[in-house]
N, C-alpha and C. Protein backbone atom coordinates (compact mmCIF):
# COMPACT_ATOMS: atom_id res chain seq x y z
N UNK A 1 -18.35 -1.33 15.08
CA UNK A 1 -17.34 -0.28 15.04
C UNK A 1 -17.96 1.00 15.59
N UNK A 2 -17.28 1.62 16.48
CA UNK A 2 -17.73 2.86 17.07
C UNK A 2 -16.97 4.02 16.45
N UNK A 3 -17.71 5.03 16.04
CA UNK A 3 -17.10 6.20 15.42
C UNK A 3 -17.30 7.38 16.36
N UNK A 4 -16.21 8.03 16.74
CA UNK A 4 -16.28 9.11 17.71
C UNK A 4 -15.89 10.45 17.11
N UNK A 5 -16.04 10.61 15.82
CA UNK A 5 -15.70 11.88 15.21
C UNK A 5 -16.98 12.60 14.80
N UNK A 6 -16.87 13.88 14.62
CA UNK A 6 -17.99 14.70 14.18
C UNK A 6 -17.72 15.20 12.79
N UNK A 7 -18.69 15.04 11.89
CA UNK A 7 -18.53 15.59 10.54
C UNK A 7 -18.67 17.09 10.60
N UNK A 8 -17.79 17.77 9.89
CA UNK A 8 -17.85 19.22 9.82
C UNK A 8 -17.65 19.67 8.39
N UNK A 9 -18.35 20.71 8.03
CA UNK A 9 -18.18 21.36 6.73
C UNK A 9 -17.73 22.77 7.04
N UNK A 10 -16.55 23.13 6.57
CA UNK A 10 -16.03 24.47 6.82
C UNK A 10 -16.19 25.34 5.58
N UNK A 11 -16.44 26.60 5.78
CA UNK A 11 -16.56 27.54 4.67
C UNK A 11 -15.70 28.76 4.95
N UNK A 12 -15.24 29.40 3.89
CA UNK A 12 -14.52 30.66 4.07
C UNK A 12 -15.13 31.76 3.23
N UNK A 13 -16.13 31.44 2.45
CA UNK A 13 -16.90 32.42 1.69
C UNK A 13 -18.36 32.20 2.07
N UNK A 14 -19.07 33.24 2.39
CA UNK A 14 -20.44 33.13 2.89
C UNK A 14 -21.35 32.36 1.93
N UNK A 15 -21.12 32.47 0.62
CA UNK A 15 -21.93 31.72 -0.34
C UNK A 15 -21.75 30.22 -0.16
N UNK A 16 -20.57 29.79 0.25
CA UNK A 16 -20.34 28.36 0.50
C UNK A 16 -21.21 27.89 1.67
N UNK A 17 -21.35 28.73 2.67
CA UNK A 17 -22.20 28.39 3.82
C UNK A 17 -23.64 28.19 3.36
N UNK A 18 -24.13 29.11 2.56
CA UNK A 18 -25.51 29.02 2.08
C UNK A 18 -25.72 27.76 1.25
N UNK A 19 -24.75 27.44 0.39
CA UNK A 19 -24.85 26.23 -0.42
C UNK A 19 -24.84 24.98 0.45
N UNK A 20 -23.95 24.93 1.42
CA UNK A 20 -23.87 23.77 2.31
C UNK A 20 -25.17 23.61 3.10
N UNK A 21 -25.72 24.69 3.60
CA UNK A 21 -26.97 24.61 4.36
C UNK A 21 -28.13 24.14 3.47
N UNK A 22 -28.15 24.61 2.24
CA UNK A 22 -29.20 24.21 1.29
C UNK A 22 -29.11 22.71 1.00
N UNK A 23 -27.90 22.23 0.72
CA UNK A 23 -27.73 20.80 0.42
C UNK A 23 -28.04 19.94 1.63
N UNK A 24 -27.65 20.38 2.80
CA UNK A 24 -27.95 19.64 4.02
C UNK A 24 -29.47 19.54 4.21
N UNK A 25 -30.17 20.63 3.99
CA UNK A 25 -31.63 20.63 4.12
C UNK A 25 -32.28 19.71 3.08
N UNK A 26 -31.77 19.74 1.85
CA UNK A 26 -32.30 18.86 0.79
C UNK A 26 -32.13 17.39 1.18
N UNK A 27 -30.95 17.04 1.68
CA UNK A 27 -30.71 15.66 2.07
C UNK A 27 -31.60 15.26 3.24
N UNK A 28 -31.78 16.16 4.19
CA UNK A 28 -32.68 15.87 5.31
C UNK A 28 -34.12 15.66 4.81
N UNK A 29 -34.55 16.50 3.89
CA UNK A 29 -35.92 16.40 3.37
C UNK A 29 -36.15 15.12 2.59
N UNK A 30 -35.10 14.60 1.97
CA UNK A 30 -35.23 13.36 1.20
C UNK A 30 -35.29 12.14 2.10
N UNK A 31 -34.94 12.31 3.36
CA UNK A 31 -34.99 11.24 4.36
C UNK A 31 -34.24 9.98 3.91
N UNK A 32 -33.04 10.21 3.40
CA UNK A 32 -32.19 9.09 3.00
C UNK A 32 -31.66 8.34 4.22
N UNK A 33 -31.61 9.02 5.34
CA UNK A 33 -31.05 8.46 6.56
C UNK A 33 -32.12 8.44 7.65
N UNK A 34 -32.03 7.48 8.54
CA UNK A 34 -33.02 7.36 9.61
C UNK A 34 -32.97 8.57 10.55
N UNK A 35 -31.78 9.09 10.78
CA UNK A 35 -31.62 10.23 11.69
C UNK A 35 -31.29 11.48 10.90
N UNK A 36 -31.56 12.65 11.46
CA UNK A 36 -31.21 13.90 10.77
C UNK A 36 -29.69 14.03 10.60
N UNK A 37 -29.28 14.75 9.59
CA UNK A 37 -27.85 15.01 9.35
C UNK A 37 -27.38 16.00 10.40
N UNK A 38 -26.30 15.66 11.09
CA UNK A 38 -25.82 16.52 12.18
C UNK A 38 -24.49 17.20 11.84
N UNK A 39 -24.13 17.21 10.57
CA UNK A 39 -22.90 17.86 10.15
C UNK A 39 -22.91 19.33 10.55
N UNK A 40 -21.85 19.76 11.22
CA UNK A 40 -21.72 21.16 11.59
C UNK A 40 -21.22 21.96 10.38
N UNK A 41 -21.78 23.12 10.17
CA UNK A 41 -21.33 24.03 9.11
C UNK A 41 -20.76 25.25 9.83
N UNK A 42 -19.44 25.39 9.75
CA UNK A 42 -18.73 26.39 10.55
C UNK A 42 -17.75 27.18 9.69
N UNK A 43 -17.46 28.41 10.11
CA UNK A 43 -16.46 29.19 9.39
C UNK A 43 -15.06 28.59 9.59
N UNK A 44 -14.26 28.64 8.56
CA UNK A 44 -12.87 28.19 8.65
C UNK A 44 -12.07 29.29 9.35
N UNK A 45 -11.48 28.97 10.47
CA UNK A 45 -10.71 29.96 11.22
C UNK A 45 -9.21 29.78 11.00
N UNK A 46 -8.74 28.58 11.15
CA UNK A 46 -7.33 28.27 10.94
C UNK A 46 -7.22 27.05 10.06
N UNK A 47 -6.19 27.00 9.27
CA UNK A 47 -5.96 25.83 8.43
C UNK A 47 -4.56 25.32 8.68
N UNK A 48 -4.46 24.03 8.94
CA UNK A 48 -3.16 23.40 9.15
C UNK A 48 -3.02 22.26 8.15
N UNK A 49 -1.92 22.22 7.46
CA UNK A 49 -1.67 21.16 6.50
C UNK A 49 -1.49 19.85 7.27
N UNK A 50 -2.17 18.81 6.82
CA UNK A 50 -2.10 17.51 7.49
C UNK A 50 -0.74 16.87 7.27
N UNK A 51 -0.39 16.00 8.22
CA UNK A 51 0.84 15.23 8.07
C UNK A 51 0.68 14.35 6.82
N UNK A 52 1.78 14.02 6.20
CA UNK A 52 1.77 13.25 4.95
C UNK A 52 0.95 11.97 5.07
N UNK A 53 1.08 11.26 6.19
CA UNK A 53 0.39 9.97 6.31
C UNK A 53 -1.13 10.11 6.45
N UNK A 54 -1.63 11.33 6.71
CA UNK A 54 -3.07 11.56 6.76
C UNK A 54 -3.64 11.98 5.40
N UNK A 55 -2.82 12.42 4.51
CA UNK A 55 -3.31 12.91 3.22
C UNK A 55 -3.77 11.75 2.35
N UNK A 56 -4.83 11.97 1.62
CA UNK A 56 -5.38 10.96 0.71
C UNK A 56 -5.69 9.66 1.43
N UNK A 57 -6.13 9.75 2.67
CA UNK A 57 -6.36 8.56 3.48
C UNK A 57 -7.30 7.58 2.78
N UNK A 58 -8.42 8.07 2.30
CA UNK A 58 -9.40 7.20 1.65
C UNK A 58 -8.81 6.51 0.43
N UNK A 59 -8.13 7.27 -0.41
CA UNK A 59 -7.53 6.69 -1.62
C UNK A 59 -6.50 5.62 -1.28
N UNK A 60 -5.77 5.83 -0.21
CA UNK A 60 -4.70 4.89 0.16
C UNK A 60 -5.17 3.73 1.02
N UNK A 61 -6.39 3.83 1.58
CA UNK A 61 -6.86 2.80 2.53
C UNK A 61 -8.31 2.39 2.26
N UNK A 62 -8.70 2.25 1.01
CA UNK A 62 -10.09 1.93 0.70
C UNK A 62 -10.56 0.62 1.32
N UNK A 63 -9.65 -0.29 1.63
CA UNK A 63 -10.02 -1.56 2.23
C UNK A 63 -10.08 -1.50 3.76
N UNK A 64 -9.72 -0.39 4.34
CA UNK A 64 -9.77 -0.26 5.80
C UNK A 64 -11.23 -0.28 6.27
N UNK A 65 -11.50 -0.87 7.43
CA UNK A 65 -12.88 -0.94 7.92
C UNK A 65 -13.58 0.42 7.97
N UNK A 66 -12.90 1.45 8.45
CA UNK A 66 -13.53 2.77 8.52
C UNK A 66 -13.97 3.25 7.14
N UNK A 67 -13.13 3.06 6.15
CA UNK A 67 -13.48 3.49 4.79
C UNK A 67 -14.67 2.70 4.25
N UNK A 68 -14.67 1.39 4.47
CA UNK A 68 -15.76 0.54 3.98
C UNK A 68 -17.08 0.82 4.68
N UNK A 69 -17.03 1.06 5.97
CA UNK A 69 -18.26 1.20 6.75
C UNK A 69 -18.79 2.64 6.75
N UNK A 70 -17.89 3.62 6.77
CA UNK A 70 -18.32 5.01 6.92
C UNK A 70 -18.21 5.81 5.63
N UNK A 71 -17.03 5.83 5.01
CA UNK A 71 -16.80 6.74 3.89
C UNK A 71 -17.44 6.24 2.59
N UNK A 72 -17.19 4.99 2.23
CA UNK A 72 -17.69 4.47 0.94
C UNK A 72 -19.21 4.60 0.79
N UNK A 73 -20.01 4.24 1.81
CA UNK A 73 -21.46 4.42 1.65
C UNK A 73 -21.87 5.87 1.44
N UNK A 74 -21.16 6.80 2.08
CA UNK A 74 -21.48 8.21 1.88
C UNK A 74 -21.17 8.64 0.45
N UNK A 75 -20.03 8.21 -0.06
CA UNK A 75 -19.65 8.56 -1.43
C UNK A 75 -20.64 7.96 -2.42
N UNK A 76 -21.02 6.71 -2.21
CA UNK A 76 -21.98 6.05 -3.09
C UNK A 76 -23.30 6.80 -3.11
N UNK A 77 -23.77 7.19 -1.94
CA UNK A 77 -25.03 7.92 -1.84
C UNK A 77 -24.95 9.28 -2.54
N UNK A 78 -23.86 9.99 -2.33
CA UNK A 78 -23.71 11.30 -2.97
C UNK A 78 -23.59 11.19 -4.48
N UNK A 79 -22.85 10.19 -4.95
CA UNK A 79 -22.72 10.02 -6.40
C UNK A 79 -24.04 9.62 -7.04
N UNK A 80 -24.84 8.86 -6.33
CA UNK A 80 -26.15 8.47 -6.86
C UNK A 80 -26.97 9.72 -7.16
N UNK A 81 -26.87 10.70 -6.29
CA UNK A 81 -27.68 11.91 -6.43
C UNK A 81 -27.00 12.99 -7.29
N UNK A 82 -25.67 13.15 -7.15
CA UNK A 82 -24.99 14.30 -7.75
C UNK A 82 -23.92 13.92 -8.78
N UNK A 83 -24.00 12.73 -9.34
CA UNK A 83 -22.98 12.27 -10.29
C UNK A 83 -22.71 13.29 -11.39
N UNK A 84 -23.73 13.94 -11.90
CA UNK A 84 -23.54 14.90 -13.01
C UNK A 84 -22.78 16.15 -12.59
N UNK A 85 -22.69 16.39 -11.28
CA UNK A 85 -22.00 17.58 -10.77
C UNK A 85 -20.55 17.29 -10.36
N UNK A 86 -20.14 16.03 -10.46
CA UNK A 86 -18.81 15.63 -10.00
C UNK A 86 -17.88 15.52 -11.21
N UNK A 87 -16.68 16.04 -11.06
CA UNK A 87 -15.69 15.94 -12.14
C UNK A 87 -15.40 14.48 -12.45
N UNK A 88 -15.24 14.15 -13.69
CA UNK A 88 -15.03 12.77 -14.14
C UNK A 88 -13.88 12.08 -13.42
N UNK A 89 -12.81 12.82 -13.12
CA UNK A 89 -11.65 12.19 -12.49
C UNK A 89 -11.94 11.69 -11.07
N UNK A 90 -13.07 12.13 -10.47
CA UNK A 90 -13.41 11.69 -9.12
C UNK A 90 -14.45 10.58 -9.10
N UNK A 91 -14.92 10.18 -10.26
CA UNK A 91 -15.94 9.12 -10.32
C UNK A 91 -15.29 7.76 -10.49
């Protein structure tokens, strides 16, 4: 499966940028992945509400190949490290 999207983290408060950069650096330093994390951390300029069929995509399509191959492993990895920081309803 080829993935042609770029991960992005948007912030609208400068403290969010600092937190995102810190977490990205921590994950890079732990070397959980063979390659460096290339997620862009950018200011939020415009926000557009997604079409209904795009909302909650992961929750509605957990069996889809993209979710199984790309999203689920990321969630598993993050929960392994940050489970105590995640609200119970998301675990």
